[in-house]
N, C-alpha and C. Protein backbone atom coordinates (compact mmCIF):
# COMPACT_ATOMS: atom_id res chain seq x y z
N MET A 1 -7.12 15.57 -7.63
CA MET A 1 -6.18 14.69 -6.96
C MET A 1 -4.95 15.46 -6.47
N LEU A 2 -4.39 16.28 -7.35
CA LEU A 2 -3.23 17.09 -6.98
C LEU A 2 -3.57 18.09 -5.89
N GLU A 3 -4.79 18.63 -5.95
CA GLU A 3 -5.23 19.59 -4.95
C GLU A 3 -5.35 18.93 -3.59
N LEU A 4 -5.85 17.70 -3.56
CA LEU A 4 -5.98 16.94 -2.31
C LEU A 4 -4.60 16.63 -1.74
N LEU A 5 -3.67 16.22 -2.60
CA LEU A 5 -2.31 15.92 -2.16
C LEU A 5 -1.65 17.16 -1.58
N LYS A 6 -1.89 18.31 -2.21
CA LYS A 6 -1.33 19.57 -1.71
C LYS A 6 -1.86 19.91 -0.32
N LYS A 7 -3.17 19.69 -0.11
CA LYS A 7 -3.77 19.94 1.20
C LYS A 7 -3.18 19.02 2.27
N ILE A 8 -2.95 17.76 1.89
CA ILE A 8 -2.38 16.79 2.82
C ILE A 8 -0.97 17.20 3.22
N ILE A 9 -0.19 17.65 2.24
CA ILE A 9 1.20 18.06 2.50
C ILE A 9 1.27 19.33 3.34
N LEU A 10 0.33 20.27 3.11
CA LEU A 10 0.34 21.55 3.82
C LEU A 10 -0.42 21.50 5.15
N TYR A 11 -1.04 20.38 5.45
CA TYR A 11 -1.84 20.26 6.66
C TYR A 11 -1.00 20.53 7.91
N GLY A 12 -1.51 21.39 8.79
CA GLY A 12 -0.82 21.72 10.04
C GLY A 12 -0.01 22.99 9.99
N ASN A 13 0.10 23.64 8.82
CA ASN A 13 0.89 24.87 8.69
C ASN A 13 0.35 26.01 9.55
N GLU A 14 -0.95 25.96 9.87
CA GLU A 14 -1.56 27.04 10.65
C GLU A 14 -0.99 27.15 12.06
N HIS A 15 -0.30 26.14 12.53
CA HIS A 15 0.28 26.17 13.88
C HIS A 15 1.60 26.95 13.93
N TYR A 16 2.14 27.31 12.78
CA TYR A 16 3.47 27.92 12.72
C TYR A 16 3.40 29.30 12.08
N SER A 17 4.27 30.18 12.60
CA SER A 17 4.23 31.57 12.15
C SER A 17 5.42 31.94 11.27
N ASN A 18 6.55 31.26 11.44
CA ASN A 18 7.71 31.64 10.62
C ASN A 18 7.94 30.62 9.50
N GLU A 19 8.61 31.08 8.47
CA GLU A 19 8.79 30.31 7.24
C GLU A 19 9.55 29.01 7.46
N LEU A 20 10.55 29.04 8.36
CA LEU A 20 11.37 27.85 8.60
C LEU A 20 10.55 26.73 9.23
N ASP A 21 9.73 27.05 10.23
CA ASP A 21 8.90 26.04 10.88
C ASP A 21 7.86 25.47 9.92
N ILE A 22 7.31 26.34 9.06
CA ILE A 22 6.33 25.89 8.07
C ILE A 22 7.00 24.92 7.09
N LYS A 23 8.21 25.24 6.69
CA LYS A 23 8.94 24.37 5.77
C LYS A 23 9.21 23.02 6.40
N ARG A 24 9.61 23.00 7.68
CA ARG A 24 9.87 21.74 8.38
C ARG A 24 8.59 20.91 8.52
N ASN A 25 7.47 21.59 8.74
CA ASN A 25 6.21 20.87 8.83
C ASN A 25 5.87 20.20 7.50
N ILE A 26 6.09 20.93 6.40
CA ILE A 26 5.82 20.37 5.07
C ILE A 26 6.73 19.18 4.81
N VAL A 27 8.02 19.32 5.16
CA VAL A 27 8.99 18.23 4.94
C VAL A 27 8.61 17.00 5.77
N SER A 28 8.24 17.22 7.04
CA SER A 28 7.86 16.09 7.89
C SER A 28 6.61 15.38 7.36
N ASN A 29 5.66 16.15 6.85
CA ASN A 29 4.47 15.55 6.24
C ASN A 29 4.86 14.71 5.02
N GLN A 30 5.75 15.23 4.21
CA GLN A 30 6.19 14.51 3.02
C GLN A 30 6.90 13.21 3.39
N ILE A 31 7.74 13.26 4.42
CA ILE A 31 8.47 12.06 4.85
C ILE A 31 7.50 10.98 5.34
N ILE A 32 6.53 11.40 6.17
CA ILE A 32 5.54 10.43 6.67
C ILE A 32 4.76 9.82 5.50
N LEU A 33 4.38 10.65 4.54
CA LEU A 33 3.62 10.16 3.38
C LEU A 33 4.45 9.20 2.53
N ILE A 34 5.75 9.47 2.40
CA ILE A 34 6.64 8.58 1.64
C ILE A 34 6.68 7.20 2.29
N PHE A 35 6.81 7.17 3.63
CA PHE A 35 6.88 5.88 4.33
C PHE A 35 5.53 5.17 4.30
N ILE A 36 4.44 5.92 4.43
CA ILE A 36 3.11 5.30 4.32
C ILE A 36 2.93 4.69 2.93
N GLY A 37 3.31 5.47 1.90
CA GLY A 37 3.21 4.99 0.53
C GLY A 37 4.07 3.76 0.29
N GLY A 38 5.29 3.77 0.84
CA GLY A 38 6.19 2.63 0.68
C GLY A 38 5.64 1.37 1.33
N LEU A 39 5.11 1.51 2.54
CA LEU A 39 4.55 0.36 3.24
C LEU A 39 3.28 -0.15 2.56
N CYS A 40 2.48 0.78 2.03
CA CYS A 40 1.27 0.39 1.28
C CYS A 40 1.66 -0.42 0.04
N PHE A 41 2.72 0.02 -0.65
CA PHE A 41 3.21 -0.73 -1.80
C PHE A 41 3.64 -2.13 -1.38
N PHE A 42 4.37 -2.22 -0.28
CA PHE A 42 4.87 -3.51 0.21
C PHE A 42 3.71 -4.46 0.51
N VAL A 43 2.70 -3.95 1.23
CA VAL A 43 1.53 -4.77 1.58
C VAL A 43 0.75 -5.17 0.32
N LEU A 44 0.55 -4.20 -0.57
CA LEU A 44 -0.20 -4.48 -1.80
C LEU A 44 0.51 -5.52 -2.67
N TYR A 45 1.81 -5.39 -2.75
CA TYR A 45 2.62 -6.35 -3.52
C TYR A 45 2.45 -7.76 -2.96
N LEU A 46 2.55 -7.89 -1.62
CA LEU A 46 2.39 -9.21 -0.99
C LEU A 46 0.97 -9.75 -1.17
N LEU A 47 -0.03 -8.84 -1.11
CA LEU A 47 -1.42 -9.26 -1.32
C LEU A 47 -1.63 -9.83 -2.72
N VAL A 48 -1.08 -9.13 -3.71
CA VAL A 48 -1.21 -9.59 -5.10
C VAL A 48 -0.57 -10.96 -5.26
N MET A 49 0.63 -11.12 -4.68
CA MET A 49 1.31 -12.42 -4.76
C MET A 49 0.50 -13.51 -4.08
N ALA A 50 -0.09 -13.19 -2.92
CA ALA A 50 -0.90 -14.17 -2.18
C ALA A 50 -2.12 -14.60 -2.99
N PHE A 51 -2.78 -13.63 -3.63
CA PHE A 51 -3.96 -13.96 -4.44
C PHE A 51 -3.57 -14.81 -5.66
N LEU A 52 -2.44 -14.49 -6.27
CA LEU A 52 -1.98 -15.28 -7.42
C LEU A 52 -1.69 -16.72 -7.01
N ILE A 53 -1.16 -16.87 -5.81
CA ILE A 53 -0.88 -18.21 -5.30
C ILE A 53 -2.18 -18.96 -5.01
N LEU A 54 -3.12 -18.28 -4.35
CA LEU A 54 -4.40 -18.92 -4.03
C LEU A 54 -5.18 -19.30 -5.29
N LEU A 55 -5.06 -18.46 -6.32
CA LEU A 55 -5.75 -18.74 -7.58
C LEU A 55 -4.97 -19.74 -8.46
N LYS A 56 -3.79 -20.15 -7.90
CA LYS A 56 -2.94 -21.13 -8.57
C LYS A 56 -2.39 -20.63 -9.90
N VAL A 57 -2.33 -19.29 -10.01
CA VAL A 57 -1.62 -18.71 -11.17
C VAL A 57 -0.13 -18.97 -11.01
N LEU A 58 0.33 -18.83 -9.74
CA LEU A 58 1.70 -19.22 -9.40
C LEU A 58 1.63 -20.58 -8.72
N ASN A 59 2.29 -21.56 -9.27
CA ASN A 59 2.18 -22.93 -8.76
C ASN A 59 3.25 -23.23 -7.73
N PHE A 60 2.92 -22.99 -6.45
CA PHE A 60 3.79 -23.34 -5.36
C PHE A 60 3.23 -24.60 -4.68
N LEU A 61 4.11 -25.42 -4.17
CA LEU A 61 3.68 -26.70 -3.62
C LEU A 61 2.86 -26.55 -2.35
N ASP A 62 3.37 -25.75 -1.43
CA ASP A 62 2.71 -25.63 -0.12
C ASP A 62 1.89 -24.35 -0.07
N GLN A 63 0.69 -24.38 -0.62
CA GLN A 63 -0.15 -23.19 -0.73
C GLN A 63 -0.47 -22.58 0.63
N ILE A 64 -0.86 -23.43 1.59
CA ILE A 64 -1.30 -22.95 2.90
C ILE A 64 -0.16 -22.30 3.65
N ASN A 65 0.99 -22.96 3.70
CA ASN A 65 2.15 -22.43 4.42
C ASN A 65 2.59 -21.09 3.84
N ILE A 66 2.55 -20.98 2.52
CA ILE A 66 2.94 -19.74 1.86
C ILE A 66 1.97 -18.61 2.19
N THR A 67 0.67 -18.92 2.19
CA THR A 67 -0.34 -17.91 2.52
C THR A 67 -0.17 -17.42 3.96
N GLN A 68 0.09 -18.33 4.89
CA GLN A 68 0.33 -17.96 6.29
C GLN A 68 1.57 -17.08 6.41
N SER A 69 2.58 -17.37 5.62
CA SER A 69 3.81 -16.57 5.64
C SER A 69 3.52 -15.12 5.25
N PHE A 70 2.67 -14.95 4.23
CA PHE A 70 2.30 -13.60 3.81
C PHE A 70 1.59 -12.85 4.93
N VAL A 71 0.72 -13.55 5.65
CA VAL A 71 -0.01 -12.93 6.77
C VAL A 71 0.97 -12.43 7.82
N PHE A 72 1.96 -13.24 8.18
CA PHE A 72 2.96 -12.85 9.18
C PHE A 72 3.79 -11.66 8.72
N LEU A 73 4.03 -11.55 7.42
CA LEU A 73 4.82 -10.44 6.89
C LEU A 73 4.00 -9.16 6.78
N MET A 74 2.70 -9.31 6.45
CA MET A 74 1.87 -8.13 6.21
C MET A 74 1.35 -7.50 7.50
N SER A 75 1.09 -8.29 8.51
CA SER A 75 0.46 -7.78 9.75
C SER A 75 1.25 -6.64 10.39
N PRO A 76 2.58 -6.80 10.63
CA PRO A 76 3.33 -5.67 11.22
C PRO A 76 3.32 -4.43 10.34
N SER A 77 3.33 -4.64 9.02
CA SER A 77 3.33 -3.51 8.09
C SER A 77 2.02 -2.74 8.16
N LEU A 78 0.90 -3.46 8.26
CA LEU A 78 -0.41 -2.81 8.38
C LEU A 78 -0.50 -2.02 9.68
N ILE A 79 0.01 -2.59 10.77
CA ILE A 79 0.00 -1.89 12.06
C ILE A 79 0.83 -0.62 11.97
N MET A 80 1.99 -0.71 11.29
CA MET A 80 2.87 0.46 11.15
C MET A 80 2.21 1.55 10.32
N ILE A 81 1.47 1.17 9.29
CA ILE A 81 0.74 2.16 8.47
C ILE A 81 -0.27 2.91 9.33
N VAL A 82 -1.00 2.18 10.17
CA VAL A 82 -2.00 2.80 11.06
C VAL A 82 -1.32 3.77 12.03
N ILE A 83 -0.19 3.37 12.60
CA ILE A 83 0.55 4.25 13.53
C ILE A 83 0.99 5.53 12.83
N LEU A 84 1.51 5.41 11.63
CA LEU A 84 1.98 6.59 10.89
C LEU A 84 0.82 7.53 10.55
N VAL A 85 -0.32 6.97 10.16
CA VAL A 85 -1.49 7.80 9.85
C VAL A 85 -1.96 8.55 11.09
N ILE A 86 -2.00 7.86 12.23
CA ILE A 86 -2.43 8.50 13.49
C ILE A 86 -1.44 9.60 13.90
N CYS A 87 -0.14 9.32 13.80
CA CYS A 87 0.88 10.32 14.15
C CYS A 87 0.80 11.53 13.22
N TYR A 88 0.58 11.28 11.94
CA TYR A 88 0.44 12.38 10.98
C TYR A 88 -0.75 13.27 11.38
N TYR A 89 -1.87 12.65 11.69
CA TYR A 89 -3.08 13.42 12.03
C TYR A 89 -2.90 14.20 13.34
N LEU A 90 -2.41 13.54 14.38
CA LEU A 90 -2.26 14.19 15.69
C LEU A 90 -1.18 15.27 15.66
N LYS A 91 -0.11 15.02 14.90
CA LYS A 91 0.97 16.02 14.77
C LYS A 91 0.42 17.33 14.21
N ASN A 92 -0.39 17.21 13.18
CA ASN A 92 -0.91 18.39 12.50
C ASN A 92 -2.15 18.97 13.18
N LYS A 93 -2.86 18.15 13.92
CA LYS A 93 -4.05 18.63 14.63
C LYS A 93 -3.67 19.42 15.88
N THR A 94 -2.63 18.94 16.59
CA THR A 94 -2.24 19.57 17.86
C THR A 94 -1.08 20.54 17.73
N GLY A 95 -0.27 20.39 16.68
CA GLY A 95 0.91 21.23 16.53
C GLY A 95 2.10 20.73 17.33
N LYS A 96 1.96 19.58 18.03
CA LYS A 96 3.05 19.01 18.82
C LYS A 96 3.91 18.13 17.90
N SER A 97 4.65 18.78 17.06
CA SER A 97 5.37 18.10 15.99
C SER A 97 6.39 17.10 16.51
N ILE A 98 7.28 17.54 17.39
CA ILE A 98 8.40 16.71 17.83
C ILE A 98 7.92 15.47 18.57
N VAL A 99 6.81 15.59 19.30
CA VAL A 99 6.28 14.46 20.08
C VAL A 99 5.83 13.34 19.15
N TYR A 100 5.00 13.67 18.19
CA TYR A 100 4.42 12.64 17.32
C TYR A 100 5.40 12.18 16.25
N LEU A 101 6.32 13.05 15.86
CA LEU A 101 7.38 12.60 14.94
C LEU A 101 8.28 11.60 15.64
N GLY A 102 8.55 11.85 16.93
CA GLY A 102 9.34 10.91 17.72
C GLY A 102 8.65 9.56 17.84
N ILE A 103 7.34 9.60 18.10
CA ILE A 103 6.57 8.35 18.20
C ILE A 103 6.62 7.59 16.88
N ALA A 104 6.45 8.32 15.77
CA ALA A 104 6.48 7.69 14.45
C ALA A 104 7.86 7.10 14.16
N TYR A 105 8.91 7.85 14.49
CA TYR A 105 10.29 7.42 14.20
C TYR A 105 10.65 6.16 14.98
N PHE A 106 10.37 6.18 16.29
CA PHE A 106 10.76 5.04 17.12
C PHE A 106 9.82 3.85 16.92
N SER A 107 8.59 4.12 16.48
CA SER A 107 7.70 3.02 16.08
C SER A 107 8.26 2.33 14.84
N GLY A 108 8.81 3.15 13.93
CA GLY A 108 9.44 2.60 12.73
C GLY A 108 10.63 1.72 13.09
N ILE A 109 11.43 2.17 14.06
CA ILE A 109 12.56 1.34 14.52
C ILE A 109 12.04 0.04 15.11
N GLY A 110 10.99 0.15 15.94
CA GLY A 110 10.40 -1.05 16.54
C GLY A 110 9.87 -2.02 15.49
N TYR A 111 9.25 -1.47 14.46
CA TYR A 111 8.73 -2.28 13.36
C TYR A 111 9.86 -3.06 12.67
N LEU A 112 10.97 -2.37 12.40
CA LEU A 112 12.09 -3.01 11.72
C LEU A 112 12.78 -4.03 12.61
N VAL A 113 12.87 -3.73 13.92
CA VAL A 113 13.44 -4.70 14.86
C VAL A 113 12.61 -5.98 14.86
N TRP A 114 11.28 -5.82 14.91
CA TRP A 114 10.39 -6.98 14.92
C TRP A 114 10.50 -7.78 13.62
N MET A 115 10.53 -7.08 12.49
CA MET A 115 10.63 -7.77 11.20
C MET A 115 11.94 -8.55 11.11
N ASN A 116 13.03 -7.94 11.55
CA ASN A 116 14.32 -8.63 11.50
C ASN A 116 14.38 -9.77 12.51
N TYR A 117 13.69 -9.61 13.64
CA TYR A 117 13.64 -10.68 14.63
C TYR A 117 12.93 -11.90 14.06
N ILE A 118 11.85 -11.67 13.31
CA ILE A 118 11.08 -12.78 12.73
C ILE A 118 11.87 -13.50 11.63
N ILE A 119 12.47 -12.70 10.75
CA ILE A 119 13.05 -13.31 9.54
C ILE A 119 14.55 -13.51 9.62
N ALA A 120 15.20 -12.90 10.65
CA ALA A 120 16.65 -13.05 10.86
C ALA A 120 17.40 -12.78 9.55
N ASN A 121 18.25 -13.72 9.15
CA ASN A 121 19.10 -13.48 7.97
C ASN A 121 18.50 -14.02 6.68
N SER A 122 17.21 -14.39 6.71
CA SER A 122 16.62 -14.99 5.52
C SER A 122 16.18 -13.97 4.47
N MET A 123 16.02 -12.69 4.89
CA MET A 123 15.58 -11.65 3.95
C MET A 123 16.36 -10.37 4.18
N TYR A 124 16.09 -9.37 3.33
CA TYR A 124 16.85 -8.12 3.34
C TYR A 124 16.17 -7.00 4.14
N ALA A 125 15.41 -7.33 5.18
CA ALA A 125 14.68 -6.29 5.92
C ALA A 125 15.62 -5.28 6.57
N PHE A 126 16.86 -5.71 6.87
CA PHE A 126 17.82 -4.79 7.50
C PHE A 126 18.13 -3.59 6.61
N LEU A 127 17.91 -3.74 5.29
CA LEU A 127 18.17 -2.62 4.37
C LEU A 127 17.31 -1.41 4.71
N LEU A 128 16.11 -1.66 5.24
CA LEU A 128 15.19 -0.56 5.53
C LEU A 128 15.72 0.35 6.64
N PHE A 129 16.64 -0.15 7.47
CA PHE A 129 17.24 0.71 8.49
C PHE A 129 17.98 1.88 7.85
N LEU A 130 18.53 1.65 6.66
CA LEU A 130 19.27 2.70 5.97
C LEU A 130 18.37 3.89 5.63
N THR A 131 17.09 3.62 5.43
CA THR A 131 16.16 4.70 5.08
C THR A 131 15.86 5.60 6.27
N LEU A 132 16.11 5.12 7.50
CA LEU A 132 15.82 5.93 8.70
C LEU A 132 16.97 6.85 9.08
N ILE A 133 18.17 6.57 8.59
CA ILE A 133 19.35 7.35 9.01
C ILE A 133 19.21 8.84 8.72
N PRO A 134 18.78 9.27 7.51
CA PRO A 134 18.72 10.72 7.25
C PRO A 134 17.49 11.41 7.83
N VAL A 135 16.49 10.65 8.30
CA VAL A 135 15.21 11.24 8.71
C VAL A 135 15.35 12.33 9.76
N PRO A 136 16.08 12.12 10.89
CA PRO A 136 16.18 13.20 11.89
C PRO A 136 16.76 14.50 11.35
N PHE A 137 17.68 14.40 10.39
CA PHE A 137 18.28 15.61 9.81
C PHE A 137 17.25 16.41 9.00
N PHE A 138 16.28 15.71 8.40
CA PHE A 138 15.23 16.39 7.65
C PHE A 138 14.21 17.04 8.58
N LEU A 139 14.00 16.44 9.76
CA LEU A 139 12.92 16.88 10.64
C LEU A 139 13.29 18.02 11.58
N MET A 140 14.57 18.12 11.91
CA MET A 140 14.99 19.10 12.92
C MET A 140 16.12 19.98 12.42
N GLY A 141 16.21 21.19 13.00
CA GLY A 141 17.25 22.14 12.61
C GLY A 141 18.46 22.06 13.52
N LYS A 142 19.39 22.99 13.34
CA LYS A 142 20.64 23.00 14.12
C LYS A 142 20.40 23.19 15.61
N GLU A 143 19.30 23.87 15.94
CA GLU A 143 19.03 24.12 17.36
C GLU A 143 18.70 22.84 18.12
N LYS A 144 18.37 21.79 17.39
CA LYS A 144 18.06 20.49 18.02
C LYS A 144 19.10 19.45 17.62
N PHE A 145 20.34 19.89 17.39
CA PHE A 145 21.38 18.98 16.94
C PHE A 145 21.67 17.89 17.96
N SER A 146 21.59 18.22 19.25
CA SER A 146 21.84 17.22 20.29
C SER A 146 20.77 16.12 20.26
N VAL A 147 19.52 16.50 19.97
CA VAL A 147 18.44 15.52 19.85
C VAL A 147 18.69 14.60 18.65
N ILE A 148 19.14 15.22 17.54
CA ILE A 148 19.46 14.43 16.35
C ILE A 148 20.53 13.40 16.66
N LEU A 149 21.57 13.83 17.38
CA LEU A 149 22.66 12.91 17.72
C LEU A 149 22.17 11.75 18.57
N TRP A 150 21.30 12.04 19.55
CA TRP A 150 20.77 10.97 20.40
C TRP A 150 19.93 9.99 19.59
N TRP A 151 19.10 10.52 18.69
CA TRP A 151 18.27 9.65 17.84
C TRP A 151 19.15 8.76 16.96
N GLU A 152 20.18 9.38 16.36
CA GLU A 152 21.07 8.62 15.48
C GLU A 152 21.89 7.60 16.27
N LEU A 153 22.34 7.98 17.45
CA LEU A 153 23.13 7.05 18.29
C LEU A 153 22.30 5.83 18.66
N LEU A 154 21.05 6.07 19.06
CA LEU A 154 20.16 4.97 19.41
C LEU A 154 19.93 4.06 18.20
N LEU A 155 19.71 4.68 17.03
CA LEU A 155 19.49 3.90 15.81
C LEU A 155 20.71 3.04 15.49
N LEU A 156 21.91 3.62 15.60
CA LEU A 156 23.13 2.87 15.28
C LEU A 156 23.36 1.71 16.25
N ILE A 157 23.05 1.93 17.54
CA ILE A 157 23.17 0.86 18.53
C ILE A 157 22.22 -0.29 18.18
N ILE A 158 20.98 0.07 17.83
CA ILE A 158 19.99 -0.95 17.48
C ILE A 158 20.39 -1.69 16.21
N VAL A 159 20.87 -0.93 15.21
CA VAL A 159 21.31 -1.55 13.96
C VAL A 159 22.47 -2.51 14.21
N GLY A 160 23.41 -2.09 15.07
CA GLY A 160 24.52 -2.97 15.41
C GLY A 160 24.05 -4.26 16.06
N GLY A 161 23.07 -4.12 16.98
CA GLY A 161 22.51 -5.30 17.63
C GLY A 161 21.80 -6.20 16.64
N ILE A 162 21.06 -5.60 15.71
CA ILE A 162 20.34 -6.38 14.70
C ILE A 162 21.31 -7.12 13.78
N PHE A 163 22.38 -6.44 13.36
CA PHE A 163 23.35 -7.09 12.49
C PHE A 163 24.00 -8.29 13.19
N TYR A 164 24.28 -8.12 14.48
CA TYR A 164 24.84 -9.25 15.25
C TYR A 164 23.82 -10.37 15.34
N TYR A 165 22.56 -10.02 15.61
CA TYR A 165 21.50 -11.02 15.76
C TYR A 165 21.31 -11.83 14.48
N ILE A 166 21.21 -11.13 13.34
CA ILE A 166 20.94 -11.85 12.09
C ILE A 166 22.15 -12.65 11.62
N SER A 167 23.33 -12.36 12.18
CA SER A 167 24.51 -13.13 11.79
C SER A 167 24.61 -14.45 12.55
N VAL A 168 23.92 -14.55 13.68
CA VAL A 168 24.03 -15.77 14.50
C VAL A 168 22.70 -16.51 14.66
N ALA A 169 21.58 -15.84 14.39
CA ALA A 169 20.27 -16.44 14.68
C ALA A 169 19.66 -17.08 13.44
N GLU A 170 18.78 -18.01 13.68
CA GLU A 170 17.96 -18.60 12.64
C GLU A 170 16.59 -17.91 12.63
N PRO A 171 15.92 -17.88 11.48
CA PRO A 171 14.60 -17.25 11.43
C PRO A 171 13.62 -17.90 12.41
N ILE A 172 12.79 -17.08 13.07
CA ILE A 172 11.76 -17.60 13.96
C ILE A 172 10.73 -18.40 13.15
N LEU A 173 10.43 -17.91 11.96
CA LEU A 173 9.51 -18.60 11.06
C LEU A 173 10.29 -19.11 9.85
N ASN A 174 10.04 -20.32 9.47
CA ASN A 174 10.71 -20.90 8.31
C ASN A 174 9.91 -20.58 7.05
N PHE A 175 10.31 -19.51 6.38
CA PHE A 175 9.60 -19.10 5.18
C PHE A 175 10.04 -19.94 3.99
N PRO A 176 9.07 -20.30 3.13
CA PRO A 176 9.43 -21.01 1.89
C PRO A 176 10.36 -20.16 1.03
N LYS A 177 11.19 -20.81 0.24
CA LYS A 177 12.17 -20.11 -0.59
C LYS A 177 11.51 -19.12 -1.54
N GLN A 178 10.34 -19.50 -2.07
CA GLN A 178 9.64 -18.61 -3.02
C GLN A 178 9.24 -17.30 -2.34
N ILE A 179 8.80 -17.39 -1.08
CA ILE A 179 8.40 -16.20 -0.32
C ILE A 179 9.61 -15.31 -0.07
N ILE A 180 10.74 -15.92 0.25
CA ILE A 180 11.96 -15.16 0.50
C ILE A 180 12.35 -14.36 -0.75
N ASN A 181 12.30 -15.01 -1.91
CA ASN A 181 12.66 -14.32 -3.16
C ASN A 181 11.69 -13.18 -3.47
N ILE A 182 10.39 -13.45 -3.34
CA ILE A 182 9.37 -12.44 -3.62
C ILE A 182 9.52 -11.24 -2.69
N THR A 183 9.70 -11.51 -1.40
CA THR A 183 9.80 -10.43 -0.41
C THR A 183 11.08 -9.64 -0.56
N ASN A 184 12.19 -10.33 -0.88
CA ASN A 184 13.46 -9.62 -1.07
C ASN A 184 13.38 -8.64 -2.23
N HIS A 185 12.70 -9.02 -3.31
CA HIS A 185 12.52 -8.10 -4.44
C HIS A 185 11.77 -6.85 -4.00
N ALA A 186 10.71 -7.06 -3.21
CA ALA A 186 9.91 -5.93 -2.74
C ALA A 186 10.70 -5.04 -1.79
N LEU A 187 11.46 -5.66 -0.88
CA LEU A 187 12.26 -4.89 0.09
C LEU A 187 13.34 -4.07 -0.61
N PHE A 188 13.99 -4.67 -1.59
CA PHE A 188 15.03 -3.95 -2.33
C PHE A 188 14.44 -2.78 -3.10
N PHE A 189 13.30 -3.01 -3.76
CA PHE A 189 12.64 -1.95 -4.51
C PHE A 189 12.18 -0.84 -3.58
N LEU A 190 11.60 -1.19 -2.42
CA LEU A 190 11.11 -0.21 -1.46
C LEU A 190 12.25 0.65 -0.92
N THR A 191 13.36 0.01 -0.54
CA THR A 191 14.53 0.74 -0.04
C THR A 191 15.08 1.69 -1.10
N SER A 192 15.14 1.21 -2.33
CA SER A 192 15.66 2.04 -3.44
C SER A 192 14.78 3.26 -3.67
N CYS A 193 13.45 3.07 -3.62
CA CYS A 193 12.53 4.18 -3.85
C CYS A 193 12.64 5.25 -2.76
N ILE A 194 12.73 4.81 -1.51
CA ILE A 194 12.85 5.76 -0.40
C ILE A 194 14.19 6.49 -0.47
N ALA A 195 15.26 5.77 -0.80
CA ALA A 195 16.58 6.40 -0.97
C ALA A 195 16.56 7.40 -2.12
N LEU A 196 15.86 7.05 -3.20
CA LEU A 196 15.75 7.94 -4.35
C LEU A 196 14.98 9.21 -3.99
N ALA A 197 13.90 9.05 -3.21
CA ALA A 197 13.11 10.21 -2.78
C ALA A 197 13.94 11.14 -1.91
N SER A 198 14.75 10.56 -0.99
CA SER A 198 15.62 11.36 -0.13
C SER A 198 16.68 12.09 -0.95
N SER A 199 17.24 11.39 -1.93
CA SER A 199 18.26 12.00 -2.79
C SER A 199 17.68 13.14 -3.61
N TYR A 200 16.45 12.93 -4.11
CA TYR A 200 15.80 13.99 -4.89
C TYR A 200 15.56 15.22 -4.02
N TYR A 201 15.12 14.98 -2.77
CA TYR A 201 14.86 16.11 -1.87
C TYR A 201 16.15 16.90 -1.63
N LEU A 202 17.25 16.22 -1.35
CA LEU A 202 18.53 16.91 -1.11
C LEU A 202 18.98 17.66 -2.35
N TRP A 203 18.85 17.03 -3.52
CA TRP A 203 19.22 17.68 -4.78
C TRP A 203 18.37 18.93 -5.00
N ASN A 204 17.07 18.82 -4.78
CA ASN A 204 16.16 19.94 -5.00
C ASN A 204 16.48 21.10 -4.06
N GLU A 205 16.78 20.78 -2.79
CA GLU A 205 17.12 21.82 -1.82
C GLU A 205 18.43 22.50 -2.19
N THR A 206 19.41 21.72 -2.65
CA THR A 206 20.70 22.29 -3.05
C THR A 206 20.54 23.23 -4.24
N VAL A 207 19.79 22.79 -5.25
CA VAL A 207 19.56 23.61 -6.45
C VAL A 207 18.80 24.88 -6.10
N THR A 208 17.78 24.75 -5.25
CA THR A 208 16.98 25.92 -4.84
C THR A 208 17.84 26.95 -4.10
N THR A 209 18.70 26.45 -3.19
CA THR A 209 19.59 27.34 -2.44
C THR A 209 20.59 28.03 -3.37
N GLU A 210 21.15 27.27 -4.30
CA GLU A 210 22.11 27.84 -5.25
C GLU A 210 21.45 28.92 -6.12
N ASN A 211 20.22 28.67 -6.54
CA ASN A 211 19.50 29.64 -7.37
C ASN A 211 19.22 30.92 -6.58
N LYS A 212 18.82 30.76 -5.31
CA LYS A 212 18.57 31.94 -4.47
C LYS A 212 19.82 32.77 -4.30
N LEU A 213 20.95 32.11 -4.05
CA LEU A 213 22.22 32.83 -3.89
C LEU A 213 22.61 33.53 -5.18
N TYR A 214 22.37 32.86 -6.30
CA TYR A 214 22.71 33.44 -7.60
C TYR A 214 21.92 34.72 -7.85
N TYR A 215 20.60 34.67 -7.61
CA TYR A 215 19.75 35.84 -7.85
C TYR A 215 20.03 36.96 -6.84
N GLU A 216 20.41 36.58 -5.63
CA GLU A 216 20.77 37.60 -4.64
C GLU A 216 22.04 38.32 -5.05
N ARG A 217 23.00 37.59 -5.63
CA ARG A 217 24.23 38.21 -6.12
C ARG A 217 23.92 39.15 -7.29
N LEU A 218 23.02 38.71 -8.16
CA LEU A 218 22.63 39.57 -9.29
C LEU A 218 21.99 40.87 -8.80
N LYS A 219 21.12 40.75 -7.80
CA LYS A 219 20.47 41.94 -7.22
C LYS A 219 21.49 42.87 -6.60
N THR A 220 22.48 42.27 -5.92
CA THR A 220 23.53 43.07 -5.27
C THR A 220 24.34 43.82 -6.33
N LYS A 221 24.69 43.15 -7.41
CA LYS A 221 25.46 43.78 -8.49
C LYS A 221 24.67 44.92 -9.14
N GLU A 222 23.36 44.67 -9.35
CA GLU A 222 22.52 45.69 -9.96
C GLU A 222 22.38 46.91 -9.06
N ALA A 223 22.32 46.64 -7.76
CA ALA A 223 22.19 47.75 -6.78
C ALA A 223 23.46 48.60 -6.78
N LEU A 224 24.60 47.97 -7.02
CA LEU A 224 25.86 48.72 -7.05
C LEU A 224 26.01 49.48 -8.36
């Protein structure tokens, strides 16, 4: 299992010759896998809840309406998972990293816009926008800083529009209160996990860099 995961993370390294590009490819693979895993958790969680409702383990009054609500919530997530898997494969198969990472990133924005459009202010889907903010910084280096700025600017404009929309609009679909509570728990947990993964990555990179500098100083002292 670990060997398979390692192959998935290292997939596409053959397209790059220098260490920095190889590292960015590994990081981009990890980011895509984190989002795929997060969305799979979200869909699986909703599926389990739907089955419990259908089996009447959870006693909700309007069984049919609640089941339909789950379908509307899960469908965009399933489509987004498929898009991410395709982008991951094509990115590593062709070596055109920036093209397919861009498609994945802006598809993610589109997914969140659609989710917020459907549910408006009834759920916490807007929290997931926070998980996209650091992504461009992980994917690109200083030489593409202008691209990072454009990506971030577009994201902030969209987030601003979404915040305005959810402050004045009513949900397109009237979700039962039980569904809102169940989904909000999943969204909060998903956002927290992705934020935790990003924090761990930054911490690990900082510690690794500090250790390298420390050992380089030791080597310099020994050489003197």
